[in-house]
Amino acid sequence: MALYFATVLPGLEFVLEDEIRVKIADAQMQRTERGKVFFHSARPAEALMALRTADNLYRPIHRFRVGPHKMHLAGIEHEISQADLPWELIENFGMAGYKINASRTGDHTYSRFDAAEAAAKGMARRYPRLRYDASGSHEVEFRLDIRDDDAVFALRLTDASFRYRAEQRRFAHAALRPSVAHALVWLSNPEETDVFIDPCCGSGTLLSERRAYPHCRIYGGDLSAAAVEASLDNVGLHDRVRILQWDARDLPIDSGHVDKAAANLPFGRQISTGENLPRLYGDIFKEIKRVLKRQGTFICLTDADDALQSAAEKLQFSCSTMAVLSLKGLHPSLYRLKKQ
């Protein structure tokens, strides 16, 4: 069985672990670090592309110890010069050139760029016919992660189209990363009988992620006409998907019609100056409660904890915190609200 690891937004490791167990039948979990989940599988790398909470997928090549000083860069070069590449994977990319990205956490006297340069020297010694290309035209990308005295050298299996789901995609202001939107969908426990709603859909990322699973009906809308237009472009027109311009405080949905809801609630830089957030959340939650069926769930993301908890309490939602994330310098929480 081959060893792989997937990167994920810090705080969502547990969601990715669950997705791996469900979708990769033979997966054997190895370990989890901040922002990474390591696992073994005998399935081909193509099968791993079903993991939508992951930002990128990697095949570890070599793990070794590193020292903290610049004199130890020679050790990195030596270790990489001993690494055996998984040619069956690299041949899929072609050989227009390769690049090495490095990250470094801990007390070291060298930079991540120094570490990447040392790794490139090691690659040149071991595989002189391969061409190092840091200009951006590379097809193969390697990653060197250094955490204190531990280093992992890996081959990246995915490109930007995996993380963003497409080569071209329209994103509205403050749009969610698709992998984060998928985490909200996954935590809603998607089922084929679901009627699902995103009351603040923005450019439709949550709707796209929910549409990836069987469903009965999907509704989405936003106050912004530009956001709705972007959402329609991204999600497309489908018989069971309806996207409208609306106010989340006055939804054109029948009472008790919706099984599950999810939303990236307005918070942080998304909020207009002078916006009364507790009132806004109270009005949105009142509508969500109206349209939800009994025991219906609402998965939402925000860093406005007091406003959310106050609105949930007033409307008698059962409320639980599922995770705290690290997102664009903010630390929003994922909440599950359940209608009693």
Protein backbone atom coordinates (compact mmCIF):
# COMPACT_ATOMS: atom_id res chain seq x y z
CA MET A 1 0.00 0.00 0.00
CA ALA A 2 1.29 3.46 -0.89
CA LEU A 3 1.53 6.29 1.60
CA TYR A 4 -0.24 9.57 0.74
CA PHE A 5 -1.06 12.76 2.52
CA ALA A 6 -3.68 15.40 1.87
CA THR A 7 -3.49 19.03 2.94
CA VAL A 8 -6.53 20.66 4.47
CA LEU A 9 -7.46 23.95 6.10
CA PRO A 10 -6.36 23.77 9.76
CA GLY A 11 -9.35 22.85 11.88
CA LEU A 12 -10.92 20.60 9.24
CA GLU A 13 -8.62 17.61 9.68
CA PHE A 14 -11.39 15.57 11.33
CA VAL A 15 -13.72 16.18 8.37
CA LEU A 16 -11.10 15.00 5.89
CA GLU A 17 -10.36 11.93 8.02
CA ASP A 18 -14.04 10.98 7.93
CA GLU A 19 -14.26 11.57 4.18
CA ILE A 20 -11.20 9.36 3.60
CA ARG A 21 -12.71 6.53 5.65
CA VAL A 22 -16.00 6.73 3.73
CA LYS A 23 -14.65 7.18 0.19
CA ILE A 24 -11.36 5.23 0.24
CA ALA A 25 -12.49 1.77 1.29
CA ASP A 26 -9.05 0.33 1.99
CA ALA A 27 -7.60 3.46 3.63
CA GLN A 28 -5.47 2.94 6.71
CA MET A 29 -4.96 6.15 8.65
CA GLN A 30 -1.36 6.76 9.65
CA ARG A 31 -1.22 10.11 11.43
CA THR A 32 -2.68 13.60 11.43
CA GLU A 33 -0.75 16.86 11.78
CA ARG A 34 -1.92 20.43 11.62
CA GLY A 35 -3.26 20.85 8.11
CA LYS A 36 -2.26 17.33 6.95
CA VAL A 37 -3.73 13.84 7.04
CA PHE A 38 -1.49 10.85 6.22
CA PHE A 39 -2.95 7.52 5.11
CA HIS A 40 -2.10 4.32 3.23
CA SER A 41 -4.09 2.99 0.29
CA ALA A 42 -3.58 0.50 -2.51
CA ARG A 43 -6.00 2.35 -4.76
CA PRO A 44 -4.62 4.31 -7.75
CA ALA A 45 -3.93 8.00 -7.25
CA GLU A 46 -6.88 8.85 -9.52
CA ALA A 47 -9.29 7.38 -6.95
CA LEU A 48 -8.09 9.86 -4.35
CA MET A 49 -9.38 12.79 -6.41
CA ALA A 50 -12.81 12.15 -4.86
CA LEU A 51 -11.58 13.76 -1.62
CA ARG A 52 -13.18 17.19 -1.86
CA THR A 53 -12.22 18.50 1.61
CA ALA A 54 -8.56 18.20 0.61
CA ASP A 55 -6.79 21.20 -0.92
CA ASN A 56 -4.02 19.10 -2.45
CA LEU A 57 -2.81 15.49 -2.51
CA TYR A 58 0.79 14.32 -2.18
CA ARG A 59 2.83 11.14 -2.37
CA PRO A 60 5.62 11.21 0.26
CA ILE A 61 8.98 10.18 -1.17
CA HIS A 62 11.44 10.52 1.70
CA ARG A 63 11.28 11.37 5.39
CA PHE A 64 14.43 12.31 7.29
CA ARG A 65 15.92 14.31 10.16
CA VAL A 66 17.29 17.81 9.68
CA GLY A 67 19.49 20.11 11.71
CA PRO A 68 18.73 23.72 12.66
CA HIS A 69 21.75 25.54 11.20
CA LYS A 70 22.88 26.58 7.73
CA MET A 71 25.65 24.00 7.89
CA HIS A 72 22.90 21.36 7.88
CA LEU A 73 21.67 22.40 4.43
CA ALA A 74 24.28 20.01 3.06
CA GLY A 75 22.46 17.26 4.92
CA ILE A 76 19.21 18.16 3.14
CA GLU A 77 21.02 18.04 -0.19
CA HIS A 78 22.48 14.62 0.67
CA GLU A 79 19.15 13.16 1.83
CA ILE A 80 17.31 14.28 -1.30
CA SER A 81 20.12 12.89 -3.47
CA GLN A 82 19.27 9.45 -2.02
CA ALA A 83 15.53 9.64 -2.72
CA ASP A 84 13.88 7.30 -5.22
CA LEU A 85 11.16 8.95 -7.28
CA PRO A 86 7.85 7.21 -8.07
CA TRP A 87 8.33 7.24 -11.83
CA GLU A 88 4.93 5.70 -12.54
CA LEU A 89 3.37 8.92 -11.21
CA ILE A 90 5.83 11.43 -12.65
CA GLU A 91 5.47 10.03 -16.17
CA ASN A 92 1.80 11.07 -16.07
CA PHE A 93 2.86 14.71 -15.90
CA GLY A 94 5.45 14.72 -18.66
CA MET A 95 8.84 16.26 -18.00
CA ALA A 96 8.71 19.93 -18.96
CA GLY A 97 10.53 20.71 -15.71
CA TYR A 98 10.04 20.53 -11.97
CA LYS A 99 9.82 22.93 -9.06
CA ILE A 100 10.43 22.52 -5.32
CA ASN A 101 8.39 24.43 -2.73
CA ALA A 102 9.47 24.34 0.88
CA SER A 103 7.89 25.24 4.20
CA ARG A 104 9.68 25.58 7.53
CA THR A 105 8.37 25.63 11.09
CA GLY A 106 10.74 25.83 14.04
CA ASP A 107 13.96 27.50 15.13
CA HIS A 108 16.27 27.34 12.12
CA THR A 109 18.97 29.71 10.91
CA TYR A 110 18.12 29.06 7.25
CA SER A 111 15.02 30.07 5.29
CA ARG A 112 12.55 27.91 3.42
CA PHE A 113 14.11 29.21 0.20
CA ASP A 114 17.54 27.98 1.37
CA ALA A 115 15.97 24.57 2.09
CA ALA A 116 14.35 24.43 -1.35
CA GLU A 117 17.65 25.32 -3.02
CA ALA A 118 19.44 22.57 -1.09
CA ALA A 119 16.76 20.07 -2.13
CA ALA A 120 17.13 21.14 -5.77
CA LYS A 121 20.87 20.51 -5.57
CA GLY A 122 20.16 17.04 -4.22
CA MET A 123 17.74 16.35 -7.07
CA ALA A 124 20.34 17.53 -9.60
CA ARG A 125 22.86 15.07 -8.16
CA ARG A 126 20.43 12.15 -8.15
CA TYR A 127 18.61 12.87 -11.42
CA PRO A 128 20.79 15.09 -13.61
CA ARG A 129 18.60 14.60 -16.69
CA LEU A 130 15.60 16.26 -14.99
CA ARG A 131 15.31 20.01 -15.43
CA TYR A 132 14.75 22.31 -12.46
CA ASP A 133 12.42 25.19 -13.43
CA ALA A 134 11.25 27.73 -10.86
CA SER A 135 9.81 30.08 -13.51
CA GLY A 136 6.28 28.71 -13.40
CA SER A 137 6.33 26.53 -16.53
CA HIS A 138 7.06 23.37 -14.56
CA GLU A 139 4.76 20.35 -14.77
CA VAL A 140 6.06 18.44 -11.74
CA GLU A 141 6.09 19.96 -8.27
CA PHE A 142 7.79 18.65 -5.16
CA ARG A 143 7.22 19.82 -1.60
CA LEU A 144 9.67 19.85 1.29
CA ASP A 145 8.04 20.34 4.69
CA ILE A 146 10.35 20.95 7.65
CA ARG A 147 8.87 20.91 11.13
CA ASP A 148 11.58 21.32 13.78
CA ASP A 149 13.94 18.37 13.12
CA ASP A 150 11.57 16.38 10.90
CA ALA A 151 11.44 16.71 7.11
CA VAL A 152 9.10 15.19 4.50
CA PHE A 153 9.85 15.37 0.78
CA ALA A 154 6.80 14.66 -1.39
CA LEU A 155 5.44 14.75 -4.94
CA ARG A 156 2.36 16.88 -5.52
CA LEU A 157 -0.36 14.92 -7.35
CA THR A 158 -2.86 17.75 -7.90
CA ASP A 159 -2.89 21.15 -9.56
CA ALA A 160 -4.95 24.31 -9.08
CA SER A 161 -7.93 22.86 -10.95
CA PHE A 162 -8.32 20.26 -8.17
CA ARG A 163 -8.46 22.88 -5.44
CA TYR A 164 -10.71 25.29 -7.35
CA ARG A 165 -12.71 22.60 -9.23
CA ALA A 166 -12.17 24.24 -12.62
CA GLU A 167 -9.69 26.20 -14.68
CA GLN A 168 -12.05 29.20 -14.83
CA ARG A 169 -14.42 30.07 -11.99
CA ARG A 170 -16.07 33.31 -10.89
CA PHE A 171 -15.70 34.17 -7.23
CA ALA A 172 -17.79 36.79 -5.45
CA HIS A 173 -16.42 38.92 -2.63
CA ALA A 174 -15.43 36.80 0.42
CA ALA A 175 -16.22 33.55 -1.41
CA LEU A 176 -15.44 30.31 0.37
CA ARG A 177 -12.65 28.06 -0.82
CA PRO A 178 -14.40 25.02 -2.43
CA SER A 179 -12.75 22.58 0.00
CA VAL A 180 -14.10 24.57 2.98
CA ALA A 181 -17.55 24.75 1.39
CA HIS A 182 -17.41 21.00 0.93
CA ALA A 183 -16.66 20.55 4.63
CA LEU A 184 -19.93 22.33 5.46
CA VAL A 185 -21.78 20.10 3.01
CA TRP A 186 -20.14 16.95 4.39
CA LEU A 187 -21.02 17.89 7.96
CA SER A 188 -24.67 18.24 6.90
CA ASN A 189 -24.63 14.49 6.12
CA PRO A 190 -25.88 14.80 2.51
CA GLU A 191 -28.61 12.35 1.49
CA GLU A 192 -30.39 11.85 -1.81
CA THR A 193 -33.76 12.81 -0.29
CA ASP A 194 -32.48 16.21 0.91
CA VAL A 195 -34.06 19.54 0.17
CA PHE A 196 -31.09 21.83 0.77
CA ILE A 197 -30.76 25.62 0.97
CA ASP A 198 -27.94 28.16 1.13
CA PRO A 199 -29.61 31.48 2.05
CA CYS A 200 -26.43 33.56 1.44
CA CYS A 201 -25.02 31.74 -1.58
CA GLY A 202 -22.55 34.32 -2.91
CA SER A 203 -20.91 32.84 -6.02
CA GLY A 204 -22.50 29.44 -5.41
CA THR A 205 -19.57 27.48 -4.00
CA LEU A 206 -21.67 25.71 -1.37
CA LEU A 207 -24.34 24.97 -3.95
CA SER A 208 -21.77 23.45 -6.31
CA GLU A 209 -20.38 21.26 -3.55
CA ARG A 210 -23.86 20.06 -2.52
CA ARG A 211 -24.75 19.36 -6.14
CA ALA A 212 -21.84 16.89 -6.26
CA TYR A 213 -23.98 14.50 -4.18
CA PRO A 214 -27.45 13.06 -4.87
CA HIS A 215 -30.25 15.39 -3.78
CA CYS A 216 -33.95 16.06 -4.15
CA ARG A 217 -33.84 19.85 -4.49
CA ILE A 218 -31.28 22.64 -3.97
CA TYR A 219 -32.15 26.29 -3.38
CA GLY A 220 -29.75 29.21 -3.21
CA GLY A 221 -29.94 32.96 -3.26
CA ASP A 222 -28.22 36.19 -2.38
CA LEU A 223 -29.08 39.86 -1.94
CA SER A 224 -26.42 40.81 -4.51
CA ALA A 225 -27.44 40.56 -8.17
CA ALA A 226 -23.76 40.21 -9.15
CA ALA A 227 -23.34 37.30 -6.75
CA VAL A 228 -26.42 35.56 -8.13
CA GLU A 229 -25.13 36.02 -11.68
CA ALA A 230 -21.77 34.49 -10.67
CA SER A 231 -23.57 31.66 -8.91
CA LEU A 232 -25.64 30.87 -11.99
CA ASP A 233 -22.46 30.79 -14.10
CA ASN A 234 -20.65 28.52 -11.65
CA VAL A 235 -23.47 26.12 -10.78
CA GLY A 236 -25.33 26.20 -14.08
CA LEU A 237 -29.01 25.58 -14.79
CA HIS A 238 -30.45 22.29 -13.57
CA ASP A 239 -33.97 21.02 -13.06
CA ARG A 240 -33.50 20.45 -9.34
CA VAL A 241 -31.39 23.53 -8.59
CA ARG A 242 -32.97 26.97 -8.22
CA ILE A 243 -30.92 30.16 -7.68
CA LEU A 244 -32.66 33.49 -7.05
CA GLN A 245 -31.94 37.03 -5.93
CA TRP A 246 -33.52 37.29 -2.48
CA ASP A 247 -33.17 38.63 1.02
CA ALA A 248 -32.22 35.85 3.45
CA ARG A 249 -34.53 37.50 5.97
CA ASP A 250 -37.54 36.86 3.72
CA LEU A 251 -37.14 33.57 1.88
CA PRO A 252 -39.60 32.58 -0.89
CA ILE A 253 -39.69 29.02 0.46
CA ASP A 254 -42.64 27.23 2.08
CA SER A 255 -42.53 26.62 5.83
CA GLY A 256 -41.22 23.20 6.87
CA HIS A 257 -39.95 22.42 3.35
CA VAL A 258 -36.17 22.18 3.91
CA ASP A 259 -34.20 19.27 5.40
CA LYS A 260 -30.79 20.92 5.66
CA ALA A 261 -29.26 24.35 5.30
CA ALA A 262 -25.67 25.59 5.19
CA ALA A 263 -24.18 29.05 4.90
CA ASN A 264 -21.06 31.14 5.07
CA LEU A 265 -22.71 33.83 7.18
CA PRO A 266 -21.70 37.48 6.75
CA PHE A 267 -18.79 38.26 9.08
CA GLY A 268 -15.45 40.04 9.17
CA ARG A 269 -14.76 42.08 6.03
CA GLN A 270 -18.08 40.96 4.54
CA ILE A 271 -20.00 43.22 6.96
CA SER A 272 -20.96 46.74 5.96
CA THR A 273 -20.05 49.51 8.38
CA GLY A 274 -22.84 50.03 10.87
CA GLU A 275 -24.49 46.64 10.24
CA ASN A 276 -26.33 45.39 13.32
CA LEU A 277 -25.02 41.84 13.31
CA PRO A 278 -27.12 40.40 16.19
CA ARG A 279 -30.28 41.71 14.51
CA LEU A 280 -29.20 40.41 11.09
CA TYR A 281 -28.44 36.94 12.45
CA GLY A 282 -31.68 36.92 14.40
CA ASP A 283 -33.71 37.74 11.28
CA ILE A 284 -31.86 35.16 9.12
CA PHE A 285 -32.16 32.44 11.75
CA LYS A 286 -35.86 33.13 12.18
CA GLU A 287 -36.39 32.45 8.47
CA ILE A 288 -34.15 29.38 8.51
CA LYS A 289 -36.13 27.98 11.43
CA ARG A 290 -39.37 28.62 9.56
CA VAL A 291 -38.34 26.79 6.39
CA LEU A 292 -36.62 23.87 8.14
CA LYS A 293 -38.45 20.67 8.90
CA ARG A 294 -38.52 19.46 12.48
CA GLN A 295 -35.04 18.19 13.45
CA GLY A 296 -33.65 19.97 10.38
CA THR A 297 -30.03 21.10 10.61
CA PHE A 298 -28.22 24.32 9.73
CA ILE A 299 -24.41 24.22 9.30
CA CYS A 300 -22.89 27.69 9.33
CA LEU A 301 -19.54 29.46 9.47
CA THR A 302 -18.84 32.76 11.26
CA ASP A 303 -16.46 34.46 13.66
CA ALA A 304 -19.33 36.48 15.19
CA ASP A 305 -19.75 33.96 18.00
CA ASP A 306 -21.76 36.13 20.38
CA ALA A 307 -24.23 37.17 17.67
CA LEU A 308 -24.71 33.58 16.51
CA GLN A 309 -25.12 32.09 19.97
CA SER A 310 -27.50 34.83 21.04
CA ALA A 311 -29.70 34.36 17.95
CA ALA A 312 -29.65 30.57 18.31
CA GLU A 313 -30.64 30.77 21.96
CA LYS A 314 -33.52 33.20 21.36
CA LEU A 315 -34.93 30.97 18.62
CA GLN A 316 -34.38 27.80 20.66
CA PHE A 317 -32.00 26.15 18.24
CA SER A 318 -29.81 23.41 19.65
CA CYS A 319 -26.31 24.78 18.98
CA SER A 320 -22.91 23.07 19.00
CA THR A 321 -19.43 24.22 17.91
CA MET A 322 -17.87 21.73 15.51
CA ALA A 323 -14.50 23.34 14.75
CA VAL A 324 -12.45 26.52 14.89
CA LEU A 325 -10.67 27.30 11.63
CA SER A 326 -7.70 29.39 10.55
CA LEU A 327 -8.94 31.31 7.50
CA LYS A 328 -7.39 34.40 5.91
CA GLY A 329 -6.11 35.74 9.24
CA LEU A 330 -9.44 35.11 10.97
CA HIS A 331 -10.56 32.26 13.23
CA PRO A 332 -14.21 31.56 12.41
CA SER A 333 -16.10 28.67 13.96
CA LEU A 334 -18.23 26.00 12.34
CA TYR A 335 -21.58 25.56 14.07
CA ARG A 336 -24.34 23.00 13.84
CA LEU A 337 -27.81 24.31 14.67
CA LYS A 338 -30.72 21.91 14.96
CA LYS A 339 -34.40 22.79 14.97
CA GLN A 340 -36.16 21.19 17.93
